[in-house]
Amino acid sequence: MIVDHDQDPVFTGYGWTSRLLLENGVRASYALNGAKDNTLMGAFFSRFKTENRSLLLDAQTLDQLTHLVTERIEYYNHERRHSSISYLSPAAYIKTLQL
């Protein structure tokens, strides 16, 4: 597993990093140019975490968290209306481009 996150001190501290690398056996990945490296995905994940904060915190297991994230991504792409694309869902907006 690869964990990709920013270079904030919270995520680069010895406690967090050792837990990831030594206890959980994952690799850490950092953007070379910091937060400016992928602004669109950074904005999406920020919004996603804000909108789903309480749900994400309620997950008790990794399986529950995985199921929740999958469910919320489906909602985000197929049901949630976005003001920047004429209040359509991304899936509905893509269909208008394919006509």
N, C-alpha and C. Protein backbone atom coordinates (compact mmCIF):
# COMPACT_ATOMS: atom_id res chain seq x y z
N MET A 1 0.85 -1.18 0.00
CA MET A 1 0.00 0.00 0.00
C MET A 1 0.89 1.24 0.00
N ILE A 2 0.46 2.24 -0.74
CA ILE A 2 1.17 3.52 -0.78
C ILE A 2 0.25 4.58 -0.21
N VAL A 3 0.73 5.36 0.74
CA VAL A 3 -0.03 6.47 1.31
C VAL A 3 0.54 7.75 0.72
N ASP A 4 -0.31 8.51 0.04
CA ASP A 4 0.10 9.75 -0.60
C ASP A 4 -0.51 10.91 0.16
N HIS A 5 0.32 11.78 0.70
CA HIS A 5 -0.19 12.94 1.42
C HIS A 5 0.82 14.07 1.37
N ASP A 6 0.41 15.22 1.90
CA ASP A 6 1.29 16.38 1.82
C ASP A 6 2.44 16.27 2.82
N GLN A 7 3.29 17.29 2.80
CA GLN A 7 4.47 17.28 3.64
C GLN A 7 4.29 18.06 4.93
N ASP A 8 3.06 18.21 5.37
CA ASP A 8 2.76 18.88 6.63
C ASP A 8 3.49 18.17 7.77
N PRO A 9 4.02 18.91 8.75
CA PRO A 9 4.76 18.28 9.85
C PRO A 9 3.98 17.18 10.57
N VAL A 10 2.66 17.28 10.61
CA VAL A 10 1.86 16.24 11.25
C VAL A 10 2.13 14.89 10.59
N PHE A 11 2.28 14.90 9.27
CA PHE A 11 2.44 13.67 8.52
C PHE A 11 3.89 13.25 8.32
N THR A 12 4.83 14.11 8.66
CA THR A 12 6.24 13.74 8.49
C THR A 12 6.92 13.52 9.83
N GLY A 13 6.18 13.65 10.93
CA GLY A 13 6.76 13.42 12.25
C GLY A 13 7.16 11.97 12.45
N TYR A 14 8.07 11.73 13.38
CA TYR A 14 8.58 10.39 13.62
C TYR A 14 7.49 9.40 14.01
N GLY A 15 6.54 9.81 14.84
CA GLY A 15 5.49 8.91 15.29
C GLY A 15 4.64 8.40 14.14
N TRP A 16 4.14 9.32 13.34
CA TRP A 16 3.28 8.95 12.21
C TRP A 16 4.04 8.13 11.17
N THR A 17 5.22 8.62 10.82
CA THR A 17 6.01 7.96 9.78
C THR A 17 6.42 6.55 10.21
N SER A 18 6.85 6.39 11.44
CA SER A 18 7.27 5.06 11.90
C SER A 18 6.08 4.10 11.94
N ARG A 19 4.92 4.60 12.30
CA ARG A 19 3.73 3.74 12.31
C ARG A 19 3.42 3.26 10.89
N LEU A 20 3.46 4.18 9.94
CA LEU A 20 3.20 3.80 8.55
C LEU A 20 4.22 2.79 8.03
N LEU A 21 5.49 3.16 8.18
CA LEU A 21 6.55 2.38 7.56
C LEU A 21 6.85 1.08 8.30
N LEU A 22 6.95 1.14 9.61
CA LEU A 22 7.38 -0.03 10.37
C LEU A 22 6.23 -0.92 10.82
N GLU A 23 5.20 -0.32 11.39
CA GLU A 23 4.10 -1.12 11.93
C GLU A 23 3.13 -1.58 10.85
N ASN A 24 2.82 -0.69 9.89
CA ASN A 24 1.82 -1.02 8.88
C ASN A 24 2.43 -1.49 7.56
N GLY A 25 3.74 -1.32 7.41
CA GLY A 25 4.42 -1.79 6.22
C GLY A 25 4.00 -1.12 4.93
N VAL A 26 3.67 0.16 4.98
CA VAL A 26 3.29 0.88 3.76
C VAL A 26 4.42 1.81 3.34
N ARG A 27 4.31 2.30 2.11
CA ARG A 27 5.27 3.28 1.61
C ARG A 27 4.62 4.65 1.65
N ALA A 28 5.41 5.65 1.97
CA ALA A 28 4.91 7.03 1.97
C ALA A 28 5.30 7.70 0.66
N SER A 29 4.39 8.46 0.08
CA SER A 29 4.63 9.16 -1.17
C SER A 29 4.32 10.64 -0.97
N TYR A 30 5.21 11.50 -1.41
CA TYR A 30 5.02 12.94 -1.28
C TYR A 30 5.14 13.60 -2.64
N ALA A 31 4.35 14.62 -2.89
CA ALA A 31 4.45 15.39 -4.13
C ALA A 31 5.75 16.19 -4.12
N LEU A 32 6.46 16.17 -5.22
CA LEU A 32 7.74 16.88 -5.29
C LEU A 32 7.58 18.38 -5.12
N ASN A 33 6.49 18.93 -5.64
CA ASN A 33 6.29 20.37 -5.58
C ASN A 33 5.30 20.79 -4.50
N GLY A 34 5.08 19.94 -3.51
CA GLY A 34 4.16 20.28 -2.43
C GLY A 34 2.73 20.34 -2.90
N ALA A 35 1.94 21.18 -2.25
CA ALA A 35 0.51 21.27 -2.54
C ALA A 35 0.21 21.74 -3.96
N LYS A 36 1.17 22.41 -4.60
CA LYS A 36 0.94 22.92 -5.95
C LYS A 36 1.08 21.84 -7.02
N ASP A 37 1.51 20.65 -6.63
CA ASP A 37 1.79 19.59 -7.59
C ASP A 37 0.53 19.08 -8.29
N ASN A 38 -0.58 18.94 -7.57
CA ASN A 38 -1.82 18.46 -8.17
C ASN A 38 -2.99 19.16 -7.49
N THR A 39 -3.22 20.38 -7.88
CA THR A 39 -4.21 21.22 -7.21
C THR A 39 -5.64 20.70 -7.36
N LEU A 40 -5.97 20.11 -8.51
CA LEU A 40 -7.33 19.61 -8.69
C LEU A 40 -7.65 18.47 -7.73
N MET A 41 -6.74 17.51 -7.61
CA MET A 41 -6.97 16.40 -6.69
C MET A 41 -6.91 16.88 -5.24
N GLY A 42 -6.03 17.83 -4.96
CA GLY A 42 -5.96 18.39 -3.61
C GLY A 42 -7.28 19.05 -3.23
N ALA A 43 -7.86 19.79 -4.15
CA ALA A 43 -9.14 20.45 -3.89
C ALA A 43 -10.25 19.42 -3.71
N PHE A 44 -10.24 18.37 -4.56
CA PHE A 44 -11.26 17.33 -4.43
C PHE A 44 -11.17 16.66 -3.05
N PHE A 45 -9.97 16.21 -2.67
CA PHE A 45 -9.84 15.49 -1.41
C PHE A 45 -10.15 16.38 -0.21
N SER A 46 -9.80 17.65 -0.29
CA SER A 46 -10.14 18.57 0.78
C SER A 46 -11.66 18.67 0.95
N ARG A 47 -12.35 18.86 -0.16
CA ARG A 47 -13.81 18.94 -0.14
C ARG A 47 -14.42 17.62 0.32
N PHE A 48 -13.89 16.52 -0.19
CA PHE A 48 -14.39 15.19 0.15
C PHE A 48 -14.27 14.94 1.66
N LYS A 49 -13.11 15.26 2.22
CA LYS A 49 -12.91 15.05 3.66
C LYS A 49 -13.79 15.97 4.49
N THR A 50 -13.99 17.20 4.04
CA THR A 50 -14.83 18.14 4.78
C THR A 50 -16.29 17.70 4.77
N GLU A 51 -16.79 17.32 3.60
CA GLU A 51 -18.20 16.93 3.47
C GLU A 51 -18.52 15.63 4.19
N ASN A 52 -17.54 14.75 4.32
CA ASN A 52 -17.78 13.42 4.88
C ASN A 52 -17.09 13.18 6.21
N ARG A 53 -16.63 14.23 6.85
CA ARG A 53 -15.83 14.12 8.07
C ARG A 53 -16.46 13.22 9.13
N SER A 54 -17.69 13.48 9.49
CA SER A 54 -18.31 12.71 10.57
C SER A 54 -18.48 11.25 10.17
N LEU A 55 -18.82 10.99 8.91
CA LEU A 55 -18.96 9.61 8.44
C LEU A 55 -17.62 8.88 8.47
N LEU A 56 -16.57 9.56 8.02
CA LEU A 56 -15.25 8.94 8.00
C LEU A 56 -14.77 8.62 9.42
N LEU A 57 -15.04 9.51 10.35
CA LEU A 57 -14.62 9.29 11.73
C LEU A 57 -15.40 8.18 12.41
N ASP A 58 -16.61 7.90 11.95
CA ASP A 58 -17.43 6.84 12.54
C ASP A 58 -17.01 5.43 12.11
N ALA A 59 -16.26 5.32 11.03
CA ALA A 59 -15.85 4.00 10.54
C ALA A 59 -14.95 3.33 11.59
N GLN A 60 -15.29 2.11 11.95
CA GLN A 60 -14.56 1.39 12.99
C GLN A 60 -13.47 0.48 12.43
N THR A 61 -13.60 0.06 11.18
CA THR A 61 -12.62 -0.85 10.58
C THR A 61 -12.22 -0.35 9.21
N LEU A 62 -11.15 -0.91 8.67
CA LEU A 62 -10.71 -0.54 7.33
C LEU A 62 -11.76 -0.96 6.30
N ASP A 63 -12.41 -2.10 6.51
CA ASP A 63 -13.48 -2.53 5.59
C ASP A 63 -14.63 -1.53 5.58
N GLN A 64 -15.03 -1.05 6.74
CA GLN A 64 -16.10 -0.05 6.82
C GLN A 64 -15.68 1.23 6.11
N LEU A 65 -14.45 1.64 6.33
CA LEU A 65 -13.94 2.86 5.70
C LEU A 65 -13.89 2.71 4.18
N THR A 66 -13.41 1.56 3.72
CA THR A 66 -13.35 1.30 2.28
C THR A 66 -14.74 1.34 1.66
N HIS A 67 -15.70 0.69 2.30
CA HIS A 67 -17.07 0.69 1.81
C HIS A 67 -17.64 2.12 1.78
N LEU A 68 -17.41 2.87 2.84
CA LEU A 68 -17.90 4.24 2.92
C LEU A 68 -17.31 5.11 1.82
N VAL A 69 -16.02 5.04 1.62
CA VAL A 69 -15.38 5.87 0.59
C VAL A 69 -15.91 5.50 -0.79
N THR A 70 -16.05 4.21 -1.06
CA THR A 70 -16.60 3.77 -2.35
C THR A 70 -18.01 4.32 -2.54
N GLU A 71 -18.82 4.21 -1.51
CA GLU A 71 -20.21 4.70 -1.56
C GLU A 71 -20.25 6.21 -1.79
N ARG A 72 -19.42 6.96 -1.08
CA ARG A 72 -19.43 8.42 -1.20
C ARG A 72 -18.88 8.89 -2.54
N ILE A 73 -17.90 8.18 -3.10
CA ILE A 73 -17.37 8.53 -4.43
C ILE A 73 -18.46 8.31 -5.48
N GLU A 74 -19.21 7.21 -5.35
CA GLU A 74 -20.33 6.95 -6.26
C GLU A 74 -21.36 8.08 -6.18
N TYR A 75 -21.68 8.50 -4.96
CA TYR A 75 -22.62 9.61 -4.77
C TYR A 75 -22.07 10.88 -5.41
N TYR A 76 -20.80 11.17 -5.15
CA TYR A 76 -20.17 12.38 -5.66
C TYR A 76 -20.21 12.43 -7.18
N ASN A 77 -19.95 11.30 -7.82
CA ASN A 77 -19.88 11.26 -9.28
C ASN A 77 -21.23 11.13 -9.98
N HIS A 78 -22.21 10.50 -9.32
CA HIS A 78 -23.46 10.19 -10.02
C HIS A 78 -24.70 10.93 -9.49
N GLU A 79 -24.63 11.47 -8.29
CA GLU A 79 -25.82 12.12 -7.74
C GLU A 79 -25.59 13.57 -7.30
N ARG A 80 -24.46 13.85 -6.68
CA ARG A 80 -24.21 15.19 -6.15
C ARG A 80 -24.11 16.20 -7.29
N ARG A 81 -24.92 17.25 -7.20
CA ARG A 81 -24.90 18.29 -8.22
C ARG A 81 -23.78 19.28 -7.90
N HIS A 82 -23.08 19.73 -8.93
CA HIS A 82 -21.95 20.63 -8.79
C HIS A 82 -22.27 21.96 -9.45
N SER A 83 -22.12 23.03 -8.71
CA SER A 83 -22.47 24.34 -9.25
C SER A 83 -21.59 24.74 -10.43
N SER A 84 -20.36 24.26 -10.47
CA SER A 84 -19.44 24.66 -11.55
C SER A 84 -19.78 24.00 -12.89
N ILE A 85 -20.65 23.00 -12.88
CA ILE A 85 -21.05 22.34 -14.14
C ILE A 85 -22.58 22.34 -14.27
N SER A 86 -23.13 23.53 -14.09
CA SER A 86 -24.57 23.76 -14.28
C SER A 86 -25.46 22.89 -13.40
N TYR A 87 -25.01 22.64 -12.20
CA TYR A 87 -25.77 21.86 -11.21
C TYR A 87 -26.12 20.45 -11.71
N LEU A 88 -25.20 19.87 -12.46
CA LEU A 88 -25.32 18.48 -12.88
C LEU A 88 -24.32 17.65 -12.08
N SER A 89 -24.54 16.34 -12.04
CA SER A 89 -23.52 15.46 -11.48
C SER A 89 -22.41 15.32 -12.53
N PRO A 90 -21.19 14.97 -12.12
CA PRO A 90 -20.14 14.78 -13.13
C PRO A 90 -20.52 13.76 -14.21
N ALA A 91 -21.16 12.66 -13.83
CA ALA A 91 -21.56 11.66 -14.82
C ALA A 91 -22.57 12.25 -15.82
N ALA A 92 -23.53 13.01 -15.34
CA ALA A 92 -24.51 13.63 -16.23
C ALA A 92 -23.85 14.68 -17.12
N TYR A 93 -22.92 15.42 -16.57
CA TYR A 93 -22.21 16.44 -17.35
C TYR A 93 -21.40 15.80 -18.48
N ILE A 94 -20.72 14.70 -18.18
CA ILE A 94 -19.93 14.01 -19.21
C ILE A 94 -20.84 13.52 -20.34
N LYS A 95 -22.04 13.06 -20.00
CA LYS A 95 -22.97 12.62 -21.04
C LYS A 95 -23.34 13.76 -21.97
N THR A 96 -23.46 15.00 -21.44
CA THR A 96 -23.79 16.13 -22.31
C THR A 96 -22.65 16.43 -23.27
N LEU A 97 -21.44 16.12 -22.92
CA LEU A 97 -20.29 16.38 -23.78
C LEU A 97 -20.16 15.34 -24.88
N GLN A 98 -20.75 14.19 -24.68
CA GLN A 98 -20.62 13.10 -25.64
C GLN A 98 -21.71 13.10 -26.70
N LEU A 99 -22.63 14.04 -26.63
CA LEU A 99 -23.72 14.08 -27.62
C LEU A 99 -23.27 14.60 -28.96
